[in-house]
Amino acid sequence: MSVPQISFEQGEAVLNWLTLTDALAAAHDLPKAEIGDTFLYRGGDTLLTRSAWIDGLGVAVKAATIFPGNKDSGKPAINGAVNLLSDQDGTLEALVDFHLVTKWKTAGDSLLAARRLARPDSKVILIVGAGAVAATLRQAYGAAFPDARFLIWNRTPAGAEALAAQYPDCTVAPDLPAAVAEADIVTSATMAVEPFLQGDWFRPGQHIDLIGAYRPDMREAQDSVLQRASIFVDSFDTTLDHIGEMKIPLASGAIARADVRADYYDLPAFQRSSDDQITLFKNGGGAHLDLMTARHILDAWRAAK
């Protein structure tokens, strides 16, 4: 029997944002994942493998190549695939498109938190950034908050205008502090290294979703933002000591370890205590979430056959 190879288009045809977040929540009831990352380099090129094993769910090895020079010839800089292996006998069950898993994992990770932490009556959602992740966030948040309207702010206005033109409920926000003040949910997916979101821009009752920072030297929010908020993360293990958004303010004493309320292995704690509480979620996107997402994609693909 041949191993299924699930393409981006095949996966898109069978997936649903709310069903995915329910699957991510259920997967966190299983034993805690074992995870590991490896990096190999050749000049400016990188091979990254992210591996996870969850007892009862299986094994995933996500291999990604990052070749920055590909852009010069019109090719994608990032390529790869996700190998999904059986928990019973270790055999290969499926090859799942790298970009499909990354898209649904990244936005689904944030949406699970927003469904639990954001106010259900949220009507204005600000997307900070206008890249590929931003477009996915519009799709994901639109599924959970169908009556919301969207604001888009980008450092380069043309990017925000291009994204807003794709959706009738999106408008360009020319002024970031004013847009933050207007929004009920602020979701940020930028490549910022220096933090630019400021604490005094926010008001009681908002939910903040931080996606962009993924390296130890990257941040999107200043200390004052974290100090005003109740902080949640997807995984203590993959965020606190590895991503600058958490690592830097923890090291400086701007926040304490106890200020980080819970990760997804304590989902009952993911709830706001009042309508005035500011909640903040840091999306770290570990390999265990790739495994959970790839398994859900395979299950959805099989069910649709």
C-alpha atoms as a PDB file:
ATOM      1  CA  MET A   1       0.000   0.000   0.000  1.00  0.00           C
ATOM      2  CA  SER A   2       1.394   3.360  -1.024  1.00  0.00           C
ATOM      3  CA  VAL A   3       1.974   6.098   1.535  1.00  0.00           C
ATOM      4  CA  PRO A   4      -0.456   9.034   1.155  1.00  0.00           C
ATOM      5  CA  GLN A   5       1.093  12.312   0.060  1.00  0.00           C
ATOM      6  CA  ILE A   6      -1.268  15.081   1.105  1.00  0.00           C
ATOM      7  CA  SER A   7      -0.796  18.231  -0.940  1.00  0.00           C
ATOM      8  CA  PHE A   8      -1.580  21.766   0.134  1.00  0.00           C
ATOM      9  CA  GLU A   9      -4.705  21.822  -2.032  1.00  0.00           C
ATOM     10  CA  GLN A  10      -5.959  18.459  -0.743  1.00  0.00           C
ATOM     11  CA  GLY A  11      -5.558  19.575   2.846  1.00  0.00           C
ATOM     12  CA  GLU A  12      -7.195  22.964   2.294  1.00  0.00           C
ATOM     13  CA  ALA A  13     -10.253  21.221   0.883  1.00  0.00           C
ATOM     14  CA  VAL A  14     -10.983  19.221   4.040  1.00  0.00           C
ATOM     15  CA  LEU A  15      -9.898  21.452   6.939  1.00  0.00           C
ATOM     16  CA  ASN A  16     -11.916  23.675   9.261  1.00  0.00           C
ATOM     17  CA  TRP A  17     -10.465  26.139  11.775  1.00  0.00           C
ATOM     18  CA  LEU A  18     -12.819  25.359  14.647  1.00  0.00           C
ATOM     19  CA  THR A  19     -12.455  21.604  14.220  1.00  0.00           C
ATOM     20  CA  LEU A  20      -8.682  21.972  14.181  1.00  0.00           C
ATOM     21  CA  THR A  21      -8.601  23.920  17.444  1.00  0.00           C
ATOM     22  CA  ASP A  22     -10.830  21.298  19.052  1.00  0.00           C
ATOM     23  CA  ALA A  23      -8.352  18.642  17.899  1.00  0.00           C
ATOM     24  CA  LEU A  24      -5.410  20.599  19.330  1.00  0.00           C
ATOM     25  CA  ALA A  25      -7.204  20.880  22.654  1.00  0.00           C
ATOM     26  CA  ALA A  26      -7.964  17.140  22.735  1.00  0.00           C
ATOM     27  CA  ALA A  27      -4.369  16.252  21.869  1.00  0.00           C
ATOM     28  CA  HIS A  28      -3.162  18.071  24.989  1.00  0.00           C
ATOM     29  CA  ASP A  29      -5.057  15.532  27.090  1.00  0.00           C
ATOM     30  CA  LEU A  30      -2.553  12.915  25.915  1.00  0.00           C
ATOM     31  CA  PRO A  31       0.838  12.393  27.596  1.00  0.00           C
ATOM     32  CA  LYS A  32       3.223  15.314  27.237  1.00  0.00           C
ATOM     33  CA  ALA A  33       5.205  15.380  24.010  1.00  0.00           C
ATOM     34  CA  GLU A  34       8.878  14.581  23.672  1.00  0.00           C
ATOM     35  CA  ILE A  35      10.393  17.121  21.284  1.00  0.00           C
ATOM     36  CA  GLY A  36      13.745  17.871  19.683  1.00  0.00           C
ATOM     37  CA  ASP A  37      15.147  20.263  17.079  1.00  0.00           C
ATOM     38  CA  THR A  38      18.325  19.999  15.004  1.00  0.00           C
ATOM     39  CA  PHE A  39      20.028  22.533  12.724  1.00  0.00           C
ATOM     40  CA  LEU A  40      22.555  21.965   9.937  1.00  0.00           C
ATOM     41  CA  TYR A  41      24.182  24.795   7.990  1.00  0.00           C
ATOM     42  CA  ARG A  42      25.950  25.364   4.676  1.00  0.00           C
ATOM     43  CA  GLY A  43      26.908  28.981   4.359  1.00  0.00           C
ATOM     44  CA  GLY A  44      23.675  30.928   4.484  1.00  0.00           C
ATOM     45  CA  ASP A  45      21.506  27.845   3.903  1.00  0.00           C
ATOM     46  CA  THR A  46      19.847  25.907   6.735  1.00  0.00           C
ATOM     47  CA  LEU A  47      18.316  22.499   7.264  1.00  0.00           C
ATOM     48  CA  LEU A  48      15.975  22.459  10.258  1.00  0.00           C
ATOM     49  CA  THR A  49      14.333  19.304  11.561  1.00  0.00           C
ATOM     50  CA  ARG A  50      11.702  19.492  14.262  1.00  0.00           C
ATOM     51  CA  SER A  51      10.638  16.192  15.801  1.00  0.00           C
ATOM     52  CA  ALA A  52       7.900  15.248  18.251  1.00  0.00           C
ATOM     53  CA  TRP A  53       6.567  12.025  19.732  1.00  0.00           C
ATOM     54  CA  ILE A  54       3.301  11.835  21.634  1.00  0.00           C
ATOM     55  CA  ASP A  55       2.280   8.527  23.147  1.00  0.00           C
ATOM     56  CA  GLY A  56      -1.042   7.660  21.545  1.00  0.00           C
ATOM     57  CA  LEU A  57      -0.693  10.085  18.628  1.00  0.00           C
ATOM     58  CA  GLY A  58       2.504   9.083  16.872  1.00  0.00           C
ATOM     59  CA  VAL A  59       5.662  10.712  15.596  1.00  0.00           C
ATOM     60  CA  ALA A  60       6.242  13.674  13.294  1.00  0.00           C
ATOM     61  CA  VAL A  61       9.500  14.832  11.761  1.00  0.00           C
ATOM     62  CA  LYS A  62       9.167  18.205  10.057  1.00  0.00           C
ATOM     63  CA  ALA A  63      12.108  18.889   7.766  1.00  0.00           C
ATOM     64  CA  ALA A  64      12.561  22.406   6.435  1.00  0.00           C
ATOM     65  CA  THR A  65      15.209  23.832   4.135  1.00  0.00           C
ATOM     66  CA  ILE A  66      15.798  27.589   4.215  1.00  0.00           C
ATOM     67  CA  PHE A  67      17.681  28.764   1.103  1.00  0.00           C
ATOM     68  CA  PRO A  68      17.534  32.597   1.075  1.00  0.00           C
ATOM     69  CA  GLY A  69      19.102  32.736  -2.387  1.00  0.00           C
ATOM     70  CA  ASN A  70      16.071  31.049  -3.924  1.00  0.00           C
ATOM     71  CA  LYS A  71      14.287  34.392  -3.993  1.00  0.00           C
ATOM     72  CA  ASP A  72      16.675  35.584  -6.701  1.00  0.00           C
ATOM     73  CA  SER A  73      15.366  32.901  -9.064  1.00  0.00           C
ATOM     74  CA  GLY A  74      11.719  33.250  -8.066  1.00  0.00           C
ATOM     75  CA  LYS A  75      11.636  30.098  -5.944  1.00  0.00           C
ATOM     76  CA  PRO A  76      10.302  29.820  -2.373  1.00  0.00           C
ATOM     77  CA  ALA A  77      13.027  30.307   0.228  1.00  0.00           C
ATOM     78  CA  ILE A  78      11.484  27.731   2.569  1.00  0.00           C
ATOM     79  CA  ASN A  79      10.591  24.179   1.521  1.00  0.00           C
ATOM     80  CA  GLY A  80      10.112  20.829   3.207  1.00  0.00           C
ATOM     81  CA  ALA A  81       7.701  18.122   4.266  1.00  0.00           C
ATOM     82  CA  VAL A  82       6.237  16.548   7.377  1.00  0.00           C
ATOM     83  CA  ASN A  83       6.769  12.815   7.887  1.00  0.00           C
ATOM     84  CA  LEU A  84       3.982  11.344   9.999  1.00  0.00           C
ATOM     85  CA  LEU A  85       4.786   7.956  11.536  1.00  0.00           C
ATOM     86  CA  SER A  86       2.681   5.402  13.329  1.00  0.00           C
ATOM     87  CA  ASP A  87       2.677   5.242  17.111  1.00  0.00           C
ATOM     88  CA  GLN A  88       2.066   1.478  16.941  1.00  0.00           C
ATOM     89  CA  ASP A  89       4.904   0.273  14.709  1.00  0.00           C
ATOM     90  CA  GLY A  90       6.840   3.342  13.570  1.00  0.00           C
ATOM     91  CA  THR A  91       5.915   2.925   9.903  1.00  0.00           C
ATOM     92  CA  LEU A  92       5.449   5.952   7.670  1.00  0.00           C
ATOM     93  CA  GLU A  93       1.754   6.844   7.508  1.00  0.00           C
ATOM     94  CA  ALA A  94       1.793   9.988   5.401  1.00  0.00           C
ATOM     95  CA  LEU A  95       3.853  12.762   3.862  1.00  0.00           C
ATOM     96  CA  VAL A  96       2.070  16.053   4.472  1.00  0.00           C
ATOM     97  CA  ASP A  97       2.878  19.309   2.687  1.00  0.00           C
ATOM     98  CA  PHE A  98       5.167  21.493   4.797  1.00  0.00           C
ATOM     99  CA  HIS A  99       3.362  24.760   4.038  1.00  0.00           C
ATOM    100  CA  LEU A 100      -0.034  23.209   4.788  1.00  0.00           C
ATOM    101  CA  VAL A 101       1.021  22.051   8.260  1.00  0.00           C
ATOM    102  CA  THR A 102       2.783  25.320   9.047  1.00  0.00           C
ATOM    103  CA  LYS A 103      -0.176  27.465   7.989  1.00  0.00           C
ATOM    104  CA  TRP A 104      -2.793  25.594   9.980  1.00  0.00           C
ATOM    105  CA  LYS A 105      -0.544  24.967  12.989  1.00  0.00           C
ATOM    106  CA  THR A 106       0.493  28.597  13.351  1.00  0.00           C
ATOM    107  CA  ALA A 107      -2.913  30.238  13.160  1.00  0.00           C
ATOM    108  CA  GLY A 108      -4.685  27.340  14.868  1.00  0.00           C
ATOM    109  CA  ASP A 109      -2.314  27.624  17.823  1.00  0.00           C
ATOM    110  CA  SER A 110      -3.301  31.268  18.317  1.00  0.00           C
ATOM    111  CA  LEU A 111      -6.992  30.677  17.617  1.00  0.00           C
ATOM    112  CA  LEU A 112      -7.262  28.027  20.332  1.00  0.00           C
ATOM    113  CA  ALA A 113      -6.062  30.594  22.866  1.00  0.00           C
ATOM    114  CA  ALA A 114      -8.334  33.332  21.520  1.00  0.00           C
ATOM    115  CA  ARG A 115     -11.408  31.095  21.704  1.00  0.00           C
ATOM    116  CA  ARG A 116     -10.722  30.695  25.421  1.00  0.00           C
ATOM    117  CA  LEU A 117      -9.208  34.041  26.415  1.00  0.00           C
ATOM    118  CA  ALA A 118     -10.718  36.718  24.173  1.00  0.00           C
ATOM    119  CA  ARG A 119     -14.102  38.168  25.017  1.00  0.00           C
ATOM    120  CA  PRO A 120     -16.759  36.314  22.990  1.00  0.00           C
ATOM    121  CA  ASP A 121     -18.313  39.648  22.000  1.00  0.00           C
ATOM    122  CA  SER A 122     -15.076  40.891  20.385  1.00  0.00           C
ATOM    123  CA  LYS A 123     -16.030  42.958  17.353  1.00  0.00           C
ATOM    124  CA  VAL A 124     -12.785  44.594  16.173  1.00  0.00           C
ATOM    125  CA  ILE A 125      -9.652  42.564  15.417  1.00  0.00           C
ATOM    126  CA  LEU A 126      -6.364  44.238  14.560  1.00  0.00           C
ATOM    127  CA  ILE A 127      -3.824  42.288  12.526  1.00  0.00           C
ATOM    128  CA  VAL A 128      -0.311  43.727  12.864  1.00  0.00           C
ATOM    129  CA  GLY A 129       1.758  42.746   9.850  1.00  0.00           C
ATOM    130  CA  ALA A 130       0.622  41.901   6.331  1.00  0.00           C
ATOM    131  CA  GLY A 131       2.625  38.840   5.292  1.00  0.00           C
ATOM    132  CA  ALA A 132       1.463  35.297   4.602  1.00  0.00           C
ATOM    133  CA  VAL A 133       0.719  34.637   8.284  1.00  0.00           C
ATOM    134  CA  ALA A 134      -1.479  37.746   8.441  1.00  0.00           C
ATOM    135  CA  ALA A 135      -3.687  36.475   5.630  1.00  0.00           C
ATOM    136  CA  THR A 136      -4.067  33.177   7.456  1.00  0.00           C
ATOM    137  CA  LEU A 137      -4.972  34.990  10.674  1.00  0.00           C
ATOM    138  CA  ARG A 138      -7.789  36.771   8.851  1.00  0.00           C
ATOM    139  CA  GLN A 139      -9.169  33.383   7.803  1.00  0.00           C
ATOM    140  CA  ALA A 140      -8.774  31.782  11.230  1.00  0.00           C
ATOM    141  CA  TYR A 141     -10.102  34.625  13.355  1.00  0.00           C
ATOM    142  CA  GLY A 142     -12.936  35.159  10.900  1.00  0.00           C
ATOM    143  CA  ALA A 143     -14.098  31.596  11.530  1.00  0.00           C
ATOM    144  CA  ALA A 144     -14.294  32.058  15.294  1.00  0.00           C
ATOM    145  CA  PHE A 145     -15.497  35.681  15.297  1.00  0.00           C
ATOM    146  CA  PRO A 146     -17.730  35.875  12.199  1.00  0.00           C
ATOM    147  CA  ASP A 147     -19.271  39.223  13.134  1.00  0.00           C
ATOM    148  CA  ALA A 148     -15.954  40.994  13.663  1.00  0.00           C
ATOM    149  CA  ARG A 149     -14.413  43.582  11.377  1.00  0.00           C
ATOM    150  CA  PHE A 150     -10.689  43.672  10.791  1.00  0.00           C
ATOM    151  CA  LEU A 151      -8.068  46.394  10.854  1.00  0.00           C
ATOM    152  CA  ILE A 152      -4.672  45.804   9.237  1.00  0.00           C
ATOM    153  CA  TRP A 153      -1.539  47.753  10.070  1.00  0.00           C
ATOM    154  CA  ASN A 154       1.767  47.165   8.361  1.00  0.00           C
ATOM    155  CA  ARG A 155       5.054  49.024   8.484  1.00  0.00           C
ATOM    156  CA  THR A 156       4.752  49.393   4.711  1.00  0.00           C
ATOM    157  CA  PRO A 157       1.200  50.622   3.964  1.00  0.00           C
ATOM    158  CA  ALA A 158       1.136  48.993   0.528  1.00  0.00           C
ATOM    159  CA  GLY A 159       1.254  45.563   2.148  1.00  0.00           C
ATOM    160  CA  ALA A 160      -1.731  46.357   4.351  1.00  0.00           C
ATOM    161  CA  GLU A 161      -3.630  47.743   1.378  1.00  0.00           C
ATOM    162  CA  ALA A 162      -3.010  44.608  -0.674  1.00  0.00           C
ATOM    163  CA  LEU A 163      -4.254  42.331   2.100  1.00  0.00           C
ATOM    164  CA  ALA A 164      -7.271  44.493   2.945  1.00  0.00           C
ATOM    165  CA  ALA A 165      -8.322  44.493  -0.708  1.00  0.00           C
ATOM    166  CA  GLN A 166      -8.902  40.724  -0.505  1.00  0.00           C
ATOM    167  CA  TYR A 167     -11.606  40.967   2.168  1.00  0.00           C
ATOM    168  CA  PRO A 168     -14.620  43.299   2.322  1.00  0.00           C
ATOM    169  CA  ASP A 169     -14.511  43.434   6.142  1.00  0.00           C
ATOM    170  CA  CYS A 170     -10.868  44.616   6.282  1.00  0.00           C
ATOM    171  CA  THR A 171      -9.662  48.189   6.367  1.00  0.00           C
ATOM    172  CA  VAL A 172      -6.174  49.653   6.567  1.00  0.00           C
ATOM    173  CA  ALA A 173      -5.220  51.221   9.895  1.00  0.00           C
ATOM    174  CA  PRO A 174      -2.909  54.208   9.250  1.00  0.00           C
ATOM    175  CA  ASP A 175      -2.065  54.795  12.912  1.00  0.00           C
ATOM    176  CA  LEU A 176      -0.932  51.841  15.052  1.00  0.00           C
ATOM    177  CA  PRO A 177      -1.589  53.250  18.570  1.00  0.00           C
ATOM    178  CA  ALA A 178      -5.103  54.329  17.554  1.00  0.00           C
ATOM    179  CA  ALA A 179      -5.812  50.935  15.978  1.00  0.00           C
ATOM    180  CA  VAL A 180      -4.622  49.108  19.106  1.00  0.00           C
ATOM    181  CA  ALA A 181      -6.900  51.255  21.249  1.00  0.00           C
ATOM    182  CA  GLU A 182      -9.881  50.481  19.012  1.00  0.00           C
ATOM    183  CA  ALA A 183      -9.352  46.724  18.812  1.00  0.00           C
ATOM    184  CA  ASP A 184     -10.787  44.034  21.063  1.00  0.00           C
ATOM    185  CA  ILE A 185      -8.174  41.548  19.831  1.00  0.00           C
ATOM    186  CA  VAL A 186      -4.661  42.445  18.680  1.00  0.00           C
ATOM    187  CA  THR A 187      -2.794  39.701  16.815  1.00  0.00           C
ATOM    188  CA  SER A 188       0.777  40.490  15.777  1.00  0.00           C
ATOM    189  CA  ALA A 189       2.844  38.545  13.260  1.00  0.00           C
ATOM    190  CA  THR A 190       5.906  40.594  12.344  1.00  0.00           C
ATOM    191  CA  MET A 191       9.627  39.994  11.968  1.00  0.00           C
ATOM    192  CA  ALA A 192      10.458  42.643  14.572  1.00  0.00           C
ATOM    193  CA  VAL A 193      13.576  42.239  16.684  1.00  0.00           C
ATOM    194  CA  GLU A 194      13.095  45.320  18.841  1.00  0.00           C
ATOM    195  CA  PRO A 195       9.745  45.465  20.697  1.00  0.00           C
ATOM    196  CA  PHE A 196       7.375  48.114  19.342  1.00  0.00           C
ATOM    197  CA  LEU A 197       3.995  47.455  21.007  1.00  0.00           C
ATOM    198  CA  GLN A 198       3.673  49.731  24.057  1.00  0.00           C
ATOM    199  CA  GLY A 199       1.771  49.072  27.255  1.00  0.00           C
ATOM    200  CA  ASP A 200      -0.059  52.380  27.412  1.00  0.00           C
ATOM    201  CA  TRP A 201      -1.674  51.715  24.026  1.00  0.00           C
ATOM    202  CA  PHE A 202      -3.854  48.961  25.492  1.00  0.00           C
ATOM    203  CA  ARG A 203      -7.114  49.156  27.424  1.00  0.00           C
ATOM    204  CA  PRO A 204      -8.913  46.769  29.813  1.00  0.00           C
ATOM    205  CA  GLY A 205     -10.627  43.760  28.287  1.00  0.00           C
ATOM    206  CA  GLN A 206      -8.385  43.223  25.297  1.00  0.00           C
ATOM    207  CA  HIS A 207      -6.731  40.005  24.163  1.00  0.00           C
ATOM    208  CA  ILE A 208      -3.193  40.139  22.740  1.00  0.00           C
ATOM    209  CA  ASP A 209      -1.812  37.416  20.488  1.00  0.00           C
ATOM    210  CA  LEU A 210       1.963  37.524  19.840  1.00  0.00           C
ATOM    211  CA  ILE A 211       3.191  35.312  17.009  1.00  0.00           C
ATOM    212  CA  GLY A 212       6.162  36.897  15.267  1.00  0.00           C
ATOM    213  CA  ALA A 213       9.114  36.423  17.610  1.00  0.00           C
ATOM    214  CA  TYR A 214      10.687  32.979  17.307  1.00  0.00           C
ATOM    215  CA  ARG A 215      14.378  33.546  18.134  1.00  0.00           C
ATOM    216  CA  PRO A 216      16.035  34.439  21.451  1.00  0.00           C
ATOM    217  CA  ASP A 217      16.748  37.968  20.186  1.00  0.00           C
ATOM    218  CA  MET A 218      13.248  38.753  18.870  1.00  0.00           C
ATOM    219  CA  ARG A 219      10.397  40.601  20.566  1.00  0.00           C
ATOM    220  CA  GLU A 220       7.211  42.383  19.509  1.00  0.00           C
ATOM    221  CA  ALA A 221       5.935  43.713  22.868  1.00  0.00           C
ATOM    222  CA  GLN A 222       7.679  45.964  25.350  1.00  0.00           C
ATOM    223  CA  ASP A 223       7.938  44.976  29.014  1.00  0.00           C
ATOM    224  CA  SER A 224       5.053  47.315  29.838  1.00  0.00           C
ATOM    225  CA  VAL A 225       2.671  45.236  27.712  1.00  0.00           C
ATOM    226  CA  LEU A 226       3.510  42.017  29.540  1.00  0.00           C
ATOM    227  CA  GLN A 227       3.328  43.744  32.912  1.00  0.00           C
ATOM    228  CA  ARG A 228      -0.257  44.862  32.268  1.00  0.00           C
ATOM    229  CA  ALA A 229      -1.458  41.454  31.075  1.00  0.00           C
ATOM    230  CA  SER A 230      -2.222  37.967  32.322  1.00  0.00           C
ATOM    231  CA  ILE A 231       0.261  35.875  30.321  1.00  0.00           C
ATOM    232  CA  PHE A 232      -0.342  32.463  28.734  1.00  0.00           C
ATOM    233  CA  VAL A 233       1.842  30.377  26.387  1.00  0.00           C
ATOM    234  CA  ASP A 234       1.338  27.286  24.253  1.00  0.00           C
ATOM    235  CA  SER A 235       4.240  25.464  25.906  1.00  0.00           C
ATOM    236  CA  PHE A 236       6.485  26.376  28.816  1.00  0.00           C
ATOM    237  CA  ASP A 237       9.223  24.179  27.365  1.00  0.00           C
ATOM    238  CA  THR A 238       9.422  25.829  23.945  1.00  0.00           C
ATOM    239  CA  THR A 239       8.840  29.485  24.862  1.00  0.00           C
ATOM    240  CA  LEU A 240      10.169  30.575  28.250  1.00  0.00           C
ATOM    241  CA  ASP A 241      13.859  29.810  27.732  1.00  0.00           C
ATOM    242  CA  HIS A 242      13.977  29.955  23.950  1.00  0.00           C
ATOM    243  CA  ILE A 243      12.036  32.933  22.589  1.00  0.00           C
ATOM    244  CA  GLY A 244      13.010  36.514  23.362  1.00  0.00           C
ATOM    245  CA  GLU A 245       9.412  37.567  23.978  1.00  0.00           C
ATOM    246  CA  MET A 246       9.528  35.592  27.226  1.00  0.00           C
ATOM    247  CA  LYS A 247      13.217  34.895  27.793  1.00  0.00           C
ATOM    248  CA  ILE A 248      14.415  38.512  27.849  1.00  0.00           C
ATOM    249  CA  PRO A 249      11.878  39.968  30.323  1.00  0.00           C
ATOM    250  CA  LEU A 250      12.192  36.886  32.549  1.00  0.00           C
ATOM    251  CA  ALA A 251      15.977  37.287  32.638  1.00  0.00           C
ATOM    252  CA  SER A 252      15.779  41.010  33.411  1.00  0.00           C
ATOM    253  CA  GLY A 253      13.162  40.561  36.134  1.00  0.00           C
ATOM    254  CA  ALA A 254      10.573  42.625  34.259  1.00  0.00           C
ATOM    255  CA  ILE A 255       8.221  39.662  34.743  1.00  0.00           C
ATOM    256  CA  ALA A 256       8.453  36.604  36.979  1.00  0.00           C
ATOM    257  CA  ARG A 257       7.955  32.959  36.120  1.00  0.00           C
ATOM    258  CA  ALA A 258       4.769  33.002  38.218  1.00  0.00           C
ATOM    259  CA  ASP A 259       3.334  35.694  35.925  1.00  0.00           C
ATOM    260  CA  VAL A 260       3.003  33.106  33.165  1.00  0.00           C
ATOM    261  CA  ARG A 261      -0.304  31.587  34.173  1.00  0.00           C
ATOM    262  CA  ALA A 262      -0.515  28.373  32.145  1.00  0.00           C
ATOM    263  CA  ASP A 263       0.361  26.514  28.985  1.00  0.00           C
ATOM    264  CA  TYR A 264      -1.866  24.216  26.923  1.00  0.00           C
ATOM    265  CA  TYR A 265      -1.206  21.266  29.191  1.00  0.00           C
ATOM    266  CA  ASP A 266      -3.401  23.103  31.713  1.00  0.00           C
ATOM    267  CA  LEU A 267      -6.209  24.172  29.381  1.00  0.00           C
ATOM    268  CA  PRO A 268      -8.802  24.623  32.156  1.00  0.00           C
ATOM    269  CA  ALA A 269      -6.695  27.582  33.319  1.00  0.00           C
ATOM    270  CA  PHE A 270      -7.117  29.282  29.933  1.00  0.00           C
ATOM    271  CA  GLN A 271      -9.958  31.586  30.881  1.00  0.00           C
ATOM    272  CA  ARG A 272     -10.294  35.262  31.703  1.00  0.00           C
ATOM    273  CA  SER A 273     -11.241  36.201  35.258  1.00  0.00           C
ATOM    274  CA  SER A 274     -13.142  39.359  34.312  1.00  0.00           C
ATOM    275  CA  ASP A 275     -14.245  41.422  31.328  1.00  0.00           C
ATOM    276  CA  ASP A 276     -11.599  44.007  32.247  1.00  0.00           C
ATOM    277  CA  GLN A 277      -8.661  41.604  32.313  1.00  0.00           C
ATOM    278  CA  ILE A 278      -6.031  41.995  29.580  1.00  0.00           C
ATOM    279  CA  THR A 279      -4.972  38.559  28.391  1.00  0.00           C
ATOM    280  CA  LEU A 280      -1.796  37.871  26.411  1.00  0.00           C
ATOM    281  CA  PHE A 281      -0.841  34.698  24.567  1.00  0.00           C
ATOM    282  CA  LYS A 282       2.609  33.892  23.205  1.00  0.00           C
ATOM    283  CA  ASN A 283       2.513  31.529  20.240  1.00  0.00           C
ATOM    284  CA  GLY A 284       5.717  29.475  20.262  1.00  0.00           C
ATOM    285  CA  GLY A 285       4.666  26.841  17.748  1.00  0.00           C
ATOM    286  CA  GLY A 286       6.695  23.817  18.880  1.00  0.00           C
ATOM    287  CA  ALA A 287       7.109  20.545  17.014  1.00  0.00           C
ATOM    288  CA  HIS A 288       4.411  18.885  19.116  1.00  0.00           C
ATOM    289  CA  LEU A 289       1.881  21.239  17.513  1.00  0.00           C
ATOM    290  CA  ASP A 290       3.140  20.196  14.067  1.00  0.00           C
ATOM    291  CA  LEU A 291       2.469  16.591  15.046  1.00  0.00           C
ATOM    292  CA  MET A 292      -1.009  17.372  16.385  1.00  0.00           C
ATOM    293  CA  THR A 293      -1.862  19.334  13.250  1.00  0.00           C
ATOM    294  CA  ALA A 294      -0.456  16.756  10.828  1.00  0.00           C
ATOM    295  CA  ARG A 295      -2.378  13.979  12.555  1.00  0.00           C
ATOM    296  CA  HIS A 296      -5.591  16.003  12.317  1.00  0.00           C
ATOM    297  CA  ILE A 297      -4.931  16.675   8.619  1.00  0.00           C
ATOM    298  CA  LEU A 298      -4.475  12.962   7.924  1.00  0.00           C
ATOM    299  CA  ASP A 299      -7.646  12.111   9.864  1.00  0.00           C
ATOM    300  CA  ALA A 300      -9.646  14.783   7.986  1.00  0.00           C
ATOM    301  CA  TRP A 301      -8.250  13.630   4.629  1.00  0.00           C
ATOM    302  CA  ARG A 302      -9.161  10.012   5.351  1.00  0.00           C
ATOM    303  CA  ALA A 303     -12.667  10.965   6.515  1.00  0.00           C
ATOM    304  CA  ALA A 304     -13.300  12.899   3.306  1.00  0.00           C
ATOM    305  CA  LYS A 305     -12.258  10.033   0.989  1.00  0.00           C
END
